[in-house]
């Protein structure tokens, strides 16, 4: 019976899609009672003519959540180019005499978010590259230490518009000149029935990060929260905990130290002695190696698929540091935002409808109009970057919206980026996926009812819009 009911619903929606114009489909969607008090912005643009074919609240600035990542990705592709790669230099600071470096190794931060990332296992590992380069030079002893140069851009490493409650969680990882292992780690511990804690251990080991326990024991209720102290740096565990084993994922407040520890330990295991003393040798620095990140299209494919805030905000800062007037500013992020707005305006996109607060959309103040988003997507539809278009970098709809779309061909024929936070659900994308003819944006804030019900209604909207419409 359940399968028959689903089939009837699917047939009904397919039939209704032929009876509705695109504007009628939008009107049906926004007329739902759950959206009575909502800001429900919808835009559908025909790409070849750049004509708006349907919409609602087209010029209303609405919170975008992670769909803002398409704006940053667009600007990065246009400003940096499809062949762009982050370049991280490793320098020899001091003199090499026989098999001894009388000085330090210095890793110069480039803002690369992919160093040591688990998402790019095929990209060369910077730790291995340093080891191999030293071996090729016959260096067996380093009298100094492995250091980092993180002067590329100013403090703080996070956006000042991010909620403080987000900063300790893995999705709120900050962006440093040196990022490593995706700037996340795990802390593990156990609590027995008497409320005694085992030792707190981090993986990977974070020797520079303290774990401060402010939790209260509660034999029947668990409600753990945590915060970061960047200056210490430290992870502060709060809330209540009951007996059991815990493994919590959090944002690493000191990824540069993790990188230097990883390099130092790797060298020592390979028989290269590292004294670990920061000495001040004279002479000029020598280039040991240049580590290259994956290409920009590969980075964008990954961040759009996983909705990675740290990766995307790193791209905003990469855009900013290429602005000739950025040095000496108190905060780098507004420079990046202004660069993005100017870039869009220069391409005929009305950037007055963009209220950007960060690169990723994690900031609740980040807003855009539906009109701006579909104009931008339409502009990008045919543009290639290292032979890739933006639509090629976006994930297929699949099961990313509701439960209705996966039963149709649209799950394969639509590519999109989703965005969600409390009381916010958004999608932007293209149809058809391979040769886009339409760009669409659906931005909903402050809806009633459940998120799942809203997603199913968005499924119905897309089915009514695009079934057999090419």
Protein backbone atom coordinates (compact mmCIF):
# COMPACT_ATOMS: atom_id res chain seq x y z
CA UNK A 1 0.00 0.00 0.00
CA UNK A 2 2.82 2.40 0.87
CA UNK A 3 4.50 1.95 -2.54
CA UNK A 4 1.14 2.47 -4.31
CA UNK A 5 0.55 5.70 -2.34
CA UNK A 6 3.98 7.01 -3.23
CA UNK A 7 3.37 6.18 -6.90
CA UNK A 8 0.04 8.01 -6.87
CA UNK A 9 1.66 11.09 -5.30
CA UNK A 10 4.45 11.03 -7.89
CA UNK A 11 1.98 10.70 -10.78
CA UNK A 12 -0.14 13.53 -9.37
CA UNK A 13 2.87 15.84 -9.10
CA UNK A 14 4.01 14.93 -12.61
CA UNK A 15 0.58 15.71 -14.02
CA UNK A 16 0.26 18.95 -12.05
CA UNK A 17 3.63 20.15 -13.34
CA UNK A 18 2.18 20.25 -16.88
CA UNK A 19 -0.78 22.33 -15.72
CA UNK A 20 1.17 25.01 -13.90
CA UNK A 21 3.20 27.83 -15.34
CA UNK A 22 6.49 28.50 -13.57
CA UNK A 23 5.04 31.54 -11.80
CA UNK A 24 2.01 29.50 -10.72
CA UNK A 25 4.39 26.88 -9.29
CA UNK A 26 6.16 29.59 -7.28
CA UNK A 27 2.85 31.08 -6.12
CA UNK A 28 1.66 27.66 -4.99
CA UNK A 29 4.86 27.19 -2.98
CA UNK A 30 4.88 30.57 -1.23
CA UNK A 31 1.14 30.28 -0.53
CA UNK A 32 1.71 27.38 1.85
CA UNK A 33 0.47 28.17 5.37
CA UNK A 34 3.86 27.28 6.84
CA UNK A 35 5.28 30.32 4.99
CA UNK A 36 2.66 32.82 6.14
CA UNK A 37 5.15 34.59 8.40
CA UNK A 38 8.26 33.70 6.41
CA UNK A 39 10.56 35.54 4.08
CA UNK A 40 10.30 33.18 1.11
CA UNK A 41 12.41 34.44 -1.75
CA UNK A 42 12.33 32.53 -5.04
CA UNK A 43 13.93 33.36 -8.38
CA UNK A 44 14.01 31.37 -11.62
CA UNK A 45 16.00 32.80 -14.53
CA UNK A 46 16.24 31.59 -18.11
CA UNK A 47 19.99 31.58 -18.69
CA UNK A 48 20.16 32.14 -22.46
CA UNK A 49 18.02 35.28 -22.33
CA UNK A 50 18.87 36.33 -18.76
CA UNK A 51 15.12 36.81 -18.27
CA UNK A 52 13.40 36.23 -14.94
CA UNK A 53 10.62 33.73 -15.61
CA UNK A 54 9.24 33.40 -12.07
CA UNK A 55 9.86 34.80 -8.63
CA UNK A 56 8.79 36.04 -5.24
CA UNK A 57 10.49 38.71 -3.12
CA UNK A 58 13.12 39.00 -5.84
CA UNK A 59 14.80 42.03 -4.29
CA UNK A 60 14.41 41.12 -0.62
CA UNK A 61 17.76 40.55 1.12
CA UNK A 62 17.36 37.20 2.88
CA UNK A 63 19.74 35.14 5.05
CA UNK A 64 21.50 32.74 2.70
CA UNK A 65 23.27 30.37 5.13
CA UNK A 66 25.76 28.22 3.20
CA UNK A 67 24.44 29.13 -0.24
CA UNK A 68 26.74 32.15 0.26
CA UNK A 69 29.53 29.70 -0.60
CA UNK A 70 28.52 29.94 -4.26
CA UNK A 71 29.17 33.70 -4.14
CA UNK A 72 32.66 33.25 -2.69
CA UNK A 73 33.38 30.40 -5.10
CA UNK A 74 32.31 32.54 -8.04
CA UNK A 75 34.53 35.42 -6.94
CA UNK A 76 37.48 33.09 -6.32
CA UNK A 77 37.21 31.52 -9.77
CA UNK A 78 36.97 34.94 -11.42
CA UNK A 79 39.69 36.61 -9.34
CA UNK A 80 42.17 33.77 -8.81
CA UNK A 81 41.56 31.66 -11.91
CA UNK A 82 41.11 27.96 -12.52
CA UNK A 83 44.84 27.23 -12.33
CA UNK A 84 45.25 28.85 -8.91
CA UNK A 85 46.93 26.85 -6.17
CA UNK A 86 47.98 27.96 -2.71
CA UNK A 87 51.80 27.97 -2.46
CA UNK A 88 53.37 27.29 0.95
CA UNK A 89 57.11 27.91 1.17
CA UNK A 90 59.44 26.06 3.53
CA UNK A 91 62.67 27.98 4.18
CA UNK A 92 66.07 27.11 5.56
CA UNK A 93 66.98 29.83 8.04
CA UNK A 94 70.70 29.63 8.67
CA UNK A 95 73.72 27.88 7.18
CA UNK A 96 74.06 24.27 6.11
CA UNK A 97 77.51 22.91 6.92
CA UNK A 98 78.15 19.32 5.88
CA UNK A 99 75.10 17.42 7.18
CA UNK A 100 74.04 20.03 9.78
CA UNK A 101 71.60 22.92 9.51
CA UNK A 102 72.84 25.54 11.94
CA UNK A 103 69.49 27.25 12.15
CA UNK A 104 65.76 26.61 11.77
CA UNK A 105 63.21 25.40 9.30
CA UNK A 106 60.47 27.98 8.72
CA UNK A 107 57.07 27.17 7.17
CA UNK A 108 55.59 30.34 5.69
CA UNK A 109 51.80 30.43 5.89
CA UNK A 110 49.89 31.07 2.67
CA UNK A 111 46.41 30.54 4.08
CA UNK A 112 46.14 27.13 2.37
CA UNK A 113 43.17 25.32 4.00
CA UNK A 114 44.19 21.93 2.58
CA UNK A 115 47.51 21.24 4.33
CA UNK A 116 47.31 17.73 5.75
CA UNK A 117 43.64 17.47 4.80
CA UNK A 118 41.94 14.10 4.90
CA UNK A 119 39.85 15.23 1.93
CA UNK A 120 42.81 15.28 -0.47
CA UNK A 121 44.77 12.10 0.30
CA UNK A 122 46.33 12.06 -3.18
CA UNK A 123 47.83 15.54 -2.86
CA UNK A 124 51.46 15.54 -1.68
CA UNK A 125 51.76 15.70 2.11
CA UNK A 126 53.82 18.68 3.25
CA UNK A 127 55.29 16.67 6.15
CA UNK A 128 56.59 14.02 3.77
CA UNK A 129 57.84 16.68 1.35
CA UNK A 130 59.94 18.34 4.08
CA UNK A 131 61.44 15.00 5.11
CA UNK A 132 62.28 14.01 1.53
CA UNK A 133 63.79 17.42 0.76
CA UNK A 134 66.07 17.33 3.80
CA UNK A 135 67.16 13.79 2.98
CA UNK A 136 67.97 14.81 -0.60
CA UNK A 137 70.26 17.53 0.80
CA UNK A 138 71.92 15.09 3.15
CA UNK A 139 70.87 17.02 6.28
CA UNK A 140 70.97 14.84 9.41
CA UNK A 141 70.90 17.45 12.18
CA UNK A 142 68.93 20.63 12.76
CA UNK A 143 70.39 22.72 15.56
CA UNK A 144 67.32 24.96 15.71
CA UNK A 145 63.61 24.18 15.50
CA UNK A 146 60.75 23.83 13.04
CA UNK A 147 58.96 27.20 13.12
CA UNK A 148 56.06 28.91 11.38
CA UNK A 149 55.69 32.37 9.87
CA UNK A 150 52.03 33.35 10.30
CA UNK A 151 52.29 37.04 9.45
CA UNK A 152 50.31 36.80 6.21
CA UNK A 153 47.20 38.39 7.65
CA UNK A 154 46.13 39.89 10.95
CA UNK A 155 44.34 38.50 13.99
CA UNK A 156 41.64 37.23 14.63
CA UNK A 157 41.63 33.97 12.66
CA UNK A 158 37.82 33.76 12.75
CA UNK A 159 35.20 36.13 11.36
CA UNK A 160 34.09 38.71 13.91
CA UNK A 161 30.55 38.06 12.66
CA UNK A 162 30.53 34.39 13.65
CA UNK A 163 28.59 33.56 16.81
CA UNK A 164 30.97 32.84 19.68
CA UNK A 165 29.05 29.64 20.36
CA UNK A 166 30.07 28.29 16.93
CA UNK A 167 33.81 28.81 17.25
CA UNK A 168 34.64 25.65 19.22
CA UNK A 169 32.71 23.25 17.02
CA UNK A 170 34.25 21.55 14.00
CA UNK A 171 32.05 23.51 11.57
CA UNK A 172 33.29 26.78 13.12
CA UNK A 173 37.01 26.13 12.62
CA UNK A 174 38.91 29.39 12.22
CA UNK A 175 41.17 30.24 9.27
CA UNK A 176 44.86 30.85 9.99
CA UNK A 177 47.80 31.68 7.73
CA UNK A 178 48.81 28.07 8.54
CA UNK A 179 45.98 25.56 8.62
CA UNK A 180 46.61 21.85 9.18
CA UNK A 181 44.58 18.65 9.37
CA UNK A 182 41.40 20.63 8.53
CA UNK A 183 41.84 22.59 11.80
CA UNK A 184 39.85 19.99 13.74
CA UNK A 185 40.70 17.39 16.38
CA UNK A 186 39.02 14.99 18.78
CA UNK A 187 39.12 14.88 22.56
CA UNK A 188 38.35 11.59 24.32
CA UNK A 189 37.69 10.76 27.96
CA UNK A 190 35.67 8.46 30.20
CA UNK A 191 33.53 9.11 33.24
CA UNK A 192 32.83 6.35 35.76
CA UNK A 193 29.75 5.93 37.95
CA UNK A 194 31.40 7.88 40.76
CA UNK A 195 31.99 10.91 38.54
CA UNK A 196 35.74 10.37 38.15
CA UNK A 197 37.29 11.36 34.84
CA UNK A 198 39.98 9.52 32.94
CA UNK A 199 42.80 11.48 31.32
CA UNK A 200 41.73 13.76 28.47
CA UNK A 201 43.48 12.76 25.24
CA UNK A 202 43.42 14.55 21.90
CA UNK A 203 43.78 13.02 18.45
CA UNK A 204 45.89 14.12 16.75
CA UNK A 205 47.95 14.97 19.84
CA UNK A 206 47.75 18.71 20.54
CA UNK A 207 50.64 19.46 22.85
CA UNK A 208 49.99 23.20 22.80
CA UNK A 209 46.26 23.04 23.58
CA UNK A 210 45.01 22.66 27.15
CA UNK A 211 41.79 20.85 27.98
CA UNK A 212 40.01 22.62 30.84
CA UNK A 213 37.22 20.65 32.49
CA UNK A 214 34.32 22.77 33.78
CA UNK A 215 31.69 20.03 33.42
CA UNK A 216 29.41 18.96 36.23
CA UNK A 217 28.66 15.32 36.91
CA UNK A 218 25.03 14.30 36.52
CA UNK A 219 24.31 10.59 36.78
CA UNK A 220 21.27 10.76 34.52
CA UNK A 221 21.71 13.67 32.10
CA UNK A 222 24.30 14.62 29.48
CA UNK A 223 24.42 18.13 28.04
CA UNK A 224 27.96 18.97 26.96
CA UNK A 225 28.99 22.28 25.44
CA UNK A 226 32.45 23.67 24.78
CA UNK A 227 34.30 26.85 24.01
CA UNK A 228 37.75 27.90 22.84
CA UNK A 229 40.25 30.24 24.40
CA UNK A 230 42.43 31.23 21.47
CA UNK A 231 45.04 33.15 23.44
CA UNK A 232 45.88 30.31 25.85
CA UNK A 233 45.04 28.24 23.69
CA UNK A 234 42.57 25.90 25.38
CA UNK A 235 39.42 23.86 24.92
CA UNK A 236 36.97 24.46 27.75
CA UNK A 237 34.42 21.69 28.38
CA UNK A 238 31.18 22.80 30.06
CA UNK A 239 27.70 21.54 30.85
CA UNK A 240 26.77 18.25 32.45
CA UNK A 241 28.11 14.75 31.90
CA UNK A 242 26.95 11.29 32.98
CA UNK A 243 28.86 7.97 33.11
CA UNK A 244 30.20 6.78 29.77
CA UNK A 245 32.84 7.17 27.07
CA UNK A 246 33.09 10.41 25.10
CA UNK A 247 34.75 11.38 21.84
CA UNK A 248 34.08 15.00 20.90
CA UNK A 249 35.13 16.75 17.70
CA UNK A 250 36.24 20.37 18.06
CA UNK A 251 38.03 23.18 16.24
CA UNK A 252 41.79 23.25 16.79
CA UNK A 253 42.79 26.76 17.98
CA UNK A 254 46.48 26.23 17.14
CA UNK A 255 46.95 24.30 13.87
CA UNK A 256 50.39 25.82 13.23
CA UNK A 257 51.76 24.12 16.35
CA UNK A 258 50.28 20.80 15.23
CA UNK A 259 52.08 21.15 11.90
CA UNK A 260 55.46 21.94 13.46
CA UNK A 261 55.04 19.04 15.92
CA UNK A 262 54.15 16.71 13.05
CA UNK A 263 57.17 17.74 11.00
CA UNK A 264 59.53 17.54 14.00
CA UNK A 265 58.31 14.09 15.02
CA UNK A 266 58.51 12.84 11.42
CA UNK A 267 62.12 14.02 11.11
CA UNK A 268 63.14 12.46 14.41
CA UNK A 269 61.54 9.12 13.51
CA UNK A 270 63.54 9.18 10.28
CA UNK A 271 66.81 9.73 12.17
CA UNK A 272 67.15 13.49 11.60
CA UNK A 273 67.98 15.11 14.93
CA UNK A 274 66.03 18.29 15.75
CA UNK A 275 67.24 20.21 18.79
CA UNK A 276 63.99 22.15 19.06
CA UNK A 277 65.64 25.45 20.07
CA UNK A 278 64.59 28.66 18.31
CA UNK A 279 67.98 30.14 17.44
CA UNK A 280 68.66 33.38 15.59
CA UNK A 281 71.13 32.58 12.82
CA UNK A 282 72.45 35.21 10.48
CA UNK A 283 72.44 35.18 6.69
CA UNK A 284 69.67 34.99 4.12
CA UNK A 285 66.91 32.40 4.04
CA UNK A 286 67.14 29.64 1.45
CA UNK A 287 64.13 28.04 -0.20
CA UNK A 288 63.86 24.35 0.66
CA UNK A 289 60.59 23.61 -1.15
CA UNK A 290 57.25 24.97 -2.26
CA UNK A 291 54.18 22.93 -1.39
CA UNK A 292 51.21 23.31 -3.77
CA UNK A 293 47.60 22.78 -2.83
CA UNK A 294 45.07 21.05 -5.08
CA UNK A 295 43.74 23.28 -7.85
CA UNK A 296 41.03 25.82 -7.09
CA UNK A 297 38.27 23.88 -8.93
CA UNK A 298 39.10 20.79 -6.84
CA UNK A 299 39.00 22.83 -3.63
CA UNK A 300 35.63 24.34 -4.59
CA UNK A 301 34.19 20.94 -5.52
CA UNK A 302 35.12 19.67 -2.07
CA UNK A 303 33.86 22.67 -0.09
CA UNK A 304 30.53 22.84 -1.96
CA UNK A 305 29.92 19.13 -1.48
CA UNK A 306 30.79 19.15 2.24
CA UNK A 307 29.74 22.76 2.93
CA UNK A 308 33.10 23.50 4.56
CA UNK A 309 33.10 26.90 6.27
CA UNK A 310 36.85 27.03 6.91
CA UNK A 311 37.74 26.26 3.29
CA UNK A 312 35.36 28.90 1.95
CA UNK A 313 36.46 31.61 4.35
CA UNK A 314 40.05 30.83 3.36
CA UNK A 315 39.10 31.64 -0.24
CA UNK A 316 37.64 34.98 0.83
CA UNK A 317 40.94 35.82 2.49
CA UNK A 318 42.89 34.62 -0.55
CA UNK A 319 40.88 37.11 -2.60
CA UNK A 320 41.56 39.86 -0.06
CA UNK A 321 45.35 39.44 0.05
CA UNK A 322 45.48 39.98 -3.70
CA UNK A 323 44.02 43.45 -3.28
CA UNK A 324 46.81 45.99 -3.57
CA UNK A 325 45.54 48.07 -0.65
CA UNK A 326 44.93 45.35 1.93
CA UNK A 327 48.11 45.68 3.99
CA UNK A 328 47.82 47.62 7.18
CA UNK A 329 44.08 47.07 7.59
CA UNK A 330 42.76 46.12 11.01
CA UNK A 331 40.64 43.26 9.67
CA UNK A 332 41.12 41.42 6.40
CA UNK A 333 37.60 40.09 5.87
CA UNK A 334 35.92 43.43 4.94
CA UNK A 335 38.58 43.83 2.24
CA UNK A 336 37.61 40.46 0.80
CA UNK A 337 33.91 41.32 0.94
CA UNK A 338 34.47 44.61 -0.88
CA UNK A 339 36.55 42.82 -3.52
CA UNK A 340 33.70 40.35 -4.08
CA UNK A 341 31.10 43.11 -4.43
CA UNK A 342 33.26 45.09 -6.85
CA UNK A 343 33.96 41.98 -8.92
CA UNK A 344 30.25 41.15 -9.23
CA UNK A 345 29.34 44.75 -10.09
CA UNK A 346 32.00 44.83 -12.82
CA UNK A 347 30.22 41.86 -14.42
CA UNK A 348 26.85 43.54 -14.50
CA UNK A 349 25.47 41.90 -11.35
CA UNK A 350 23.73 44.27 -8.95
CA UNK A 351 25.88 43.76 -5.86
CA UNK A 352 23.80 46.23 -3.85
CA UNK A 353 21.67 43.21 -2.99
CA UNK A 354 24.60 41.44 -1.32
CA UNK A 355 25.12 41.87 2.42
CA UNK A 356 28.14 39.65 2.93
CA UNK A 357 29.65 39.16 6.40
CA UNK A 358 32.00 36.23 5.78
CA UNK A 359 32.93 33.86 3.01
CA UNK A 360 30.91 30.86 4.11
CA UNK A 361 27.50 32.07 5.22
CA UNK A 362 28.04 30.93 8.81
CA UNK A 363 27.37 34.51 9.93
CA UNK A 364 23.64 35.05 10.37
CA UNK A 365 24.01 38.59 9.05
CA UNK A 366 24.96 37.29 5.60
CA UNK A 367 22.14 38.06 3.17
CA UNK A 368 21.53 38.28 -0.56
CA UNK A 369 18.58 38.81 -2.86
CA UNK A 370 17.24 35.96 -4.98
CA UNK A 371 17.72 38.17 -8.05
CA UNK A 372 21.45 38.62 -7.37
CA UNK A 373 22.00 34.88 -6.89
CA UNK A 374 20.36 33.81 -10.16
CA UNK A 375 22.05 36.64 -12.06
CA UNK A 376 25.38 35.42 -10.74
CA UNK A 377 24.64 31.77 -11.51
CA UNK A 378 23.48 32.66 -15.02
CA UNK A 379 26.64 34.67 -15.65
CA UNK A 380 28.73 31.69 -14.52
CA UNK A 381 26.79 29.04 -16.43
CA UNK A 382 29.05 28.81 -19.47
CA UNK A 383 32.31 30.20 -18.10
CA UNK A 384 35.13 27.67 -17.79
CA UNK A 385 38.02 27.56 -15.36
CA UNK A 386 40.62 24.91 -16.16
CA UNK A 387 37.89 23.40 -18.35
CA UNK A 388 35.37 23.33 -15.48
CA UNK A 389 32.17 25.34 -15.06
CA UNK A 390 30.61 26.22 -11.72
CA UNK A 391 27.79 23.75 -12.43
CA UNK A 392 30.43 21.01 -12.83
CA UNK A 393 31.70 21.76 -9.32
CA UNK A 394 28.29 21.64 -7.64
CA UNK A 395 26.85 18.38 -6.26
CA UNK A 396 23.81 16.63 -7.74
CA UNK A 397 20.56 17.18 -5.87
CA UNK A 398 20.24 13.51 -4.93
CA UNK A 399 18.81 13.28 -1.41
CA UNK A 400 19.94 16.76 -0.37
CA UNK A 401 16.46 18.29 -0.24
CA UNK A 402 13.39 16.23 0.66
CA UNK A 403 12.06 12.71 0.19
CA UNK A 404 10.18 13.36 -3.07
CA UNK A 405 12.92 14.49 -5.46
CA UNK A 406 15.02 11.29 -5.12
CA UNK A 407 12.17 9.38 -6.78
CA UNK A 408 12.46 11.49 -9.93
CA UNK A 409 15.08 12.09 -12.62
CA UNK A 410 15.54 15.61 -11.21
CA UNK A 411 17.71 14.17 -8.44
CA UNK A 412 20.30 13.66 -11.20
CA UNK A 413 19.30 16.54 -13.46
CA UNK A 414 19.65 19.31 -10.86
CA UNK A 415 22.88 20.49 -9.24
CA UNK A 416 22.63 22.70 -6.21
CA UNK A 417 24.13 24.11 -3.04
CA UNK A 418 22.11 23.92 0.14
CA UNK A 419 22.26 26.13 3.20
CA UNK A 420 20.64 25.73 6.58
CA UNK A 421 20.71 27.08 10.12
CA UNK A 422 18.05 27.66 12.75
CA UNK A 423 14.85 28.86 10.99
CA UNK A 424 16.71 29.07 7.65
CA UNK A 425 16.60 26.72 4.66
CA UNK A 426 18.00 27.67 1.25
CA UNK A 427 18.95 26.12 -2.10
CA UNK A 428 20.52 27.57 -5.24
CA UNK A 429 21.40 25.72 -8.40
CA UNK A 430 20.98 24.81 -12.05
CA UNK A 431 18.69 22.77 -14.27
CA UNK A 432 19.54 20.70 -16.28
CA UNK A 433 22.81 19.76 -14.62
CA UNK A 434 24.91 19.12 -17.72
CA UNK A 435 23.75 21.98 -19.96
CA UNK A 436 22.02 24.47 -17.66
CA UNK A 437 19.03 26.35 -19.06
CA UNK A 438 17.68 27.69 -15.76
CA UNK A 439 19.26 29.10 -12.62
CA UNK A 440 17.18 29.08 -9.46
CA UNK A 441 17.31 30.30 -5.87
CA UNK A 442 15.00 29.37 -3.00
CA UNK A 443 15.68 31.27 0.25
CA UNK A 444 13.32 30.67 3.17
CA UNK A 445 13.69 32.31 6.59
CA UNK A 446 11.41 32.04 9.63
CA UNK A 447 9.06 29.28 8.52
CA UNK A 448 6.56 27.39 10.64
CA UNK A 449 6.32 23.61 10.74
CA UNK A 450 9.17 21.15 10.44
CA UNK A 451 12.26 21.44 8.26
CA UNK A 452 11.43 18.12 6.62
CA UNK A 453 7.98 19.38 5.58
CA UNK A 454 9.58 22.49 4.10
CA UNK A 455 12.12 20.42 2.17
CA UNK A 456 9.35 18.29 0.70
CA UNK A 457 7.53 21.46 -0.36
CA UNK A 458 10.73 22.65 -2.05
CA UNK A 459 10.88 19.27 -3.78
CA UNK A 460 7.34 19.87 -5.06
CA UNK A 461 8.33 23.35 -6.23
CA UNK A 462 11.29 22.04 -8.24
CA UNK A 463 9.22 19.20 -9.69
CA UNK A 464 6.52 21.64 -10.75
CA UNK A 465 9.14 24.00 -12.19
CA UNK A 466 11.32 21.62 -14.13
CA UNK A 467 9.57 18.33 -14.93
CA UNK A 468 9.67 18.09 -18.73
CA UNK A 469 10.56 21.79 -19.00
CA UNK A 470 13.76 22.24 -21.01
